[in-house]
Amino acid sequence: MDTTTKVITNQVTEIYVHVRDYDIAIAWYTDVLGLSKDAQGRLDMNGARILLIESDKRNPATHAVFSLFSSDINAAHEILRSKGAQVDEIYYCPYEKTTSFHVTDSEGYLILIKDC
């Protein structure tokens, strides 16, 4: 074990997402994804948190900014679609042996929903 691994824990604590409109973004993450918000406005993800930062520095990517686990990929796809979320088709990746799809948040960021 080198010195770095002794002082830096191998665990994600927060993911920072820059947004133009905090109120619209927080509503999307709480209403569409069902995440809960703490008193500081951070969104809980079972230990890690998403922190939405209102700024002009947003830069939606052409790839997922993070992924979330689903125990039922088909149900997750249907629930998000029924809430009006923009979702891609479900696809199987033979290399990873996973099934997944992308959902686009209110700011244009891609989030990968996957079954492992």
C-alpha atoms as a PDB file:
ATOM      1  CA  MET A   1       0.000   0.000   0.000  1.00  0.00           C
ATOM      2  CA  ASP A   2       1.530   3.327  -1.009  1.00  0.00           C
ATOM      3  CA  THR A   3       1.268   6.553   0.973  1.00  0.00           C
ATOM      4  CA  THR A   4      -1.621   7.908  -1.110  1.00  0.00           C
ATOM      5  CA  THR A   5      -3.900   4.938  -0.471  1.00  0.00           C
ATOM      6  CA  LYS A   6      -3.264   5.313   3.258  1.00  0.00           C
ATOM      7  CA  VAL A   7      -4.671   8.855   3.360  1.00  0.00           C
ATOM      8  CA  ILE A   8      -7.267   8.849   0.543  1.00  0.00           C
ATOM      9  CA  THR A   9     -10.212   6.497   0.879  1.00  0.00           C
ATOM     10  CA  ASN A  10     -11.309   4.640  -2.239  1.00  0.00           C
ATOM     11  CA  GLN A  11     -14.886   5.923  -2.031  1.00  0.00           C
ATOM     12  CA  VAL A  12     -16.805   8.572  -3.964  1.00  0.00           C
ATOM     13  CA  THR A  13     -18.364  11.101  -1.579  1.00  0.00           C
ATOM     14  CA  GLU A  14     -19.897  13.705  -3.919  1.00  0.00           C
ATOM     15  CA  ILE A  15     -20.567  14.188  -7.619  1.00  0.00           C
ATOM     16  CA  TYR A  16     -20.729  17.830  -8.753  1.00  0.00           C
ATOM     17  CA  VAL A  17     -23.176  18.691 -11.521  1.00  0.00           C
ATOM     18  CA  HIS A  18     -23.310  22.290 -12.790  1.00  0.00           C
ATOM     19  CA  VAL A  19     -26.832  23.390 -13.743  1.00  0.00           C
ATOM     20  CA  ARG A  20     -28.396  26.548 -15.173  1.00  0.00           C
ATOM     21  CA  ASP A  21     -31.601  26.356 -13.152  1.00  0.00           C
ATOM     22  CA  TYR A  22     -31.230  24.815  -9.704  1.00  0.00           C
ATOM     23  CA  ASP A  23     -34.974  24.657  -8.983  1.00  0.00           C
ATOM     24  CA  ILE A  24     -35.776  22.795 -12.210  1.00  0.00           C
ATOM     25  CA  ALA A  25     -32.790  20.469 -11.755  1.00  0.00           C
ATOM     26  CA  ILE A  26     -33.565  19.640  -8.108  1.00  0.00           C
ATOM     27  CA  ALA A  27     -37.183  18.938  -9.052  1.00  0.00           C
ATOM     28  CA  TRP A  28     -36.051  16.580 -11.822  1.00  0.00           C
ATOM     29  CA  TYR A  29     -33.710  14.611  -9.560  1.00  0.00           C
ATOM     30  CA  THR A  30     -36.237  14.356  -6.719  1.00  0.00           C
ATOM     31  CA  ASP A  31     -39.416  13.855  -8.781  1.00  0.00           C
ATOM     32  CA  VAL A  32     -38.121  11.770 -11.689  1.00  0.00           C
ATOM     33  CA  LEU A  33     -35.297   9.801 -10.033  1.00  0.00           C
ATOM     34  CA  GLY A  34     -36.846   9.846  -6.563  1.00  0.00           C
ATOM     35  CA  LEU A  35     -33.664  10.948  -4.785  1.00  0.00           C
ATOM     36  CA  SER A  36     -34.023  12.624  -1.393  1.00  0.00           C
ATOM     37  CA  LYS A  37     -32.509  16.030  -0.645  1.00  0.00           C
ATOM     38  CA  ASP A  38     -30.765  16.888   2.640  1.00  0.00           C
ATOM     39  CA  ALA A  39     -30.830  20.285   4.408  1.00  0.00           C
ATOM     40  CA  GLN A  40     -27.837  21.494   2.347  1.00  0.00           C
ATOM     41  CA  GLY A  41     -29.520  20.534  -0.936  1.00  0.00           C
ATOM     42  CA  ARG A  42     -27.351  17.466  -1.583  1.00  0.00           C
ATOM     43  CA  LEU A  43     -29.050  14.459  -3.144  1.00  0.00           C
ATOM     44  CA  ASP A  44     -28.476  11.184  -1.316  1.00  0.00           C
ATOM     45  CA  MET A  45     -27.299   8.094  -3.202  1.00  0.00           C
ATOM     46  CA  ASN A  46     -26.681   5.620  -0.352  1.00  0.00           C
ATOM     47  CA  GLY A  47     -23.474   7.219   0.910  1.00  0.00           C
ATOM     48  CA  ALA A  48     -22.396   9.245  -2.098  1.00  0.00           C
ATOM     49  CA  ARG A  49     -24.176  12.507  -2.846  1.00  0.00           C
ATOM     50  CA  ILE A  50     -24.940  14.583  -5.918  1.00  0.00           C
ATOM     51  CA  LEU A  51     -24.388  18.295  -5.385  1.00  0.00           C
ATOM     52  CA  LEU A  52     -26.154  20.480  -7.952  1.00  0.00           C
ATOM     53  CA  ILE A  53     -24.295  23.759  -8.444  1.00  0.00           C
ATOM     54  CA  GLU A  54     -26.065  26.638 -10.180  1.00  0.00           C
ATOM     55  CA  SER A  55     -23.590  28.217 -12.601  1.00  0.00           C
ATOM     56  CA  ASP A  56     -22.869  29.062 -16.218  1.00  0.00           C
ATOM     57  CA  LYS A  57     -20.181  26.336 -16.333  1.00  0.00           C
ATOM     58  CA  ARG A  58     -22.498  23.500 -17.290  1.00  0.00           C
ATOM     59  CA  ASN A  59     -21.168  21.206 -19.989  1.00  0.00           C
ATOM     60  CA  PRO A  60     -23.516  18.338 -20.840  1.00  0.00           C
ATOM     61  CA  ALA A  61     -21.475  15.427 -22.058  1.00  0.00           C
ATOM     62  CA  THR A  62     -21.996  12.988 -24.873  1.00  0.00           C
ATOM     63  CA  HIS A  63     -21.481  10.193 -22.347  1.00  0.00           C
ATOM     64  CA  ALA A  64     -22.900   9.406 -18.911  1.00  0.00           C
ATOM     65  CA  VAL A  65     -21.678  11.551 -16.021  1.00  0.00           C
ATOM     66  CA  PHE A  66     -22.502   8.764 -13.538  1.00  0.00           C
ATOM     67  CA  SER A  67     -24.472   5.540 -13.329  1.00  0.00           C
ATOM     68  CA  LEU A  68     -27.147   4.182 -11.018  1.00  0.00           C
ATOM     69  CA  PHE A  69     -27.996   0.555 -10.250  1.00  0.00           C
ATOM     70  CA  SER A  70     -31.417  -0.925 -10.994  1.00  0.00           C
ATOM     71  CA  SER A  71     -32.623  -4.304  -9.742  1.00  0.00           C
ATOM     72  CA  ASP A  72     -35.277  -4.306 -12.503  1.00  0.00           C
ATOM     73  CA  ILE A  73     -34.049  -2.532 -15.635  1.00  0.00           C
ATOM     74  CA  ASN A  74     -37.342  -2.910 -17.531  1.00  0.00           C
ATOM     75  CA  ALA A  75     -39.410  -1.489 -14.663  1.00  0.00           C
ATOM     76  CA  ALA A  76     -36.933   1.381 -14.202  1.00  0.00           C
ATOM     77  CA  HIS A  77     -37.154   2.214 -17.911  1.00  0.00           C
ATOM     78  CA  GLU A  78     -40.967   2.180 -17.855  1.00  0.00           C
ATOM     79  CA  ILE A  79     -41.223   4.247 -14.649  1.00  0.00           C
ATOM     80  CA  LEU A  80     -38.855   6.947 -15.936  1.00  0.00           C
ATOM     81  CA  ARG A  81     -40.584   7.017 -19.329  1.00  0.00           C
ATOM     82  CA  SER A  82     -43.993   7.324 -17.640  1.00  0.00           C
ATOM     83  CA  LYS A  83     -42.683  10.332 -15.687  1.00  0.00           C
ATOM     84  CA  GLY A  84     -41.859  12.043 -18.973  1.00  0.00           C
ATOM     85  CA  ALA A  85     -38.107  11.514 -18.788  1.00  0.00           C
ATOM     86  CA  GLN A  86     -36.172  11.211 -22.038  1.00  0.00           C
ATOM     87  CA  VAL A  87     -34.846   7.626 -22.086  1.00  0.00           C
ATOM     88  CA  ASP A  88     -32.846   5.671 -24.677  1.00  0.00           C
ATOM     89  CA  GLU A  89     -33.733   2.149 -25.663  1.00  0.00           C
ATOM     90  CA  ILE A  90     -32.589  -0.611 -23.325  1.00  0.00           C
ATOM     91  CA  TYR A  91     -29.480  -2.342 -24.659  1.00  0.00           C
ATOM     92  CA  TYR A  92     -27.308  -5.309 -23.703  1.00  0.00           C
ATOM     93  CA  CYS A  93     -23.522  -4.935 -23.569  1.00  0.00           C
ATOM     94  CA  PRO A  94     -21.953  -8.366 -24.189  1.00  0.00           C
ATOM     95  CA  TYR A  95     -18.514  -7.137 -23.080  1.00  0.00           C
ATOM     96  CA  GLU A  96     -19.725  -6.134 -19.599  1.00  0.00           C
ATOM     97  CA  LYS A  97     -22.647  -8.593 -19.588  1.00  0.00           C
ATOM     98  CA  THR A  98     -24.958  -5.802 -18.446  1.00  0.00           C
ATOM     99  CA  THR A  99     -28.262  -4.391 -19.558  1.00  0.00           C
ATOM    100  CA  SER A 100     -28.653  -0.632 -19.373  1.00  0.00           C
ATOM    101  CA  PHE A 101     -30.105   2.558 -20.802  1.00  0.00           C
ATOM    102  CA  HIS A 102     -29.452   6.291 -20.615  1.00  0.00           C
ATOM    103  CA  VAL A 103     -31.827   8.864 -19.176  1.00  0.00           C
ATOM    104  CA  THR A 104     -31.293  12.576 -19.871  1.00  0.00           C
ATOM    105  CA  ASP A 105     -31.708  14.974 -16.945  1.00  0.00           C
ATOM    106  CA  SER A 106     -33.275  18.451 -17.089  1.00  0.00           C
ATOM    107  CA  GLU A 107     -29.909  20.005 -18.042  1.00  0.00           C
ATOM    108  CA  GLY A 108     -29.047  17.565 -20.837  1.00  0.00           C
ATOM    109  CA  TYR A 109     -26.684  15.323 -18.856  1.00  0.00           C
ATOM    110  CA  LEU A 110     -26.781  11.589 -19.535  1.00  0.00           C
ATOM    111  CA  ILE A 111     -27.184   9.209 -16.595  1.00  0.00           C
ATOM    112  CA  LEU A 112     -26.634   5.499 -17.152  1.00  0.00           C
ATOM    113  CA  ILE A 113     -29.097   3.142 -15.467  1.00  0.00           C
ATOM    114  CA  LYS A 114     -27.674  -0.399 -15.361  1.00  0.00           C
ATOM    115  CA  ASP A 115     -28.456  -3.764 -13.850  1.00  0.00           C
ATOM    116  CA  CYS A 116     -25.130  -4.406 -12.110  1.00  0.00           C
END
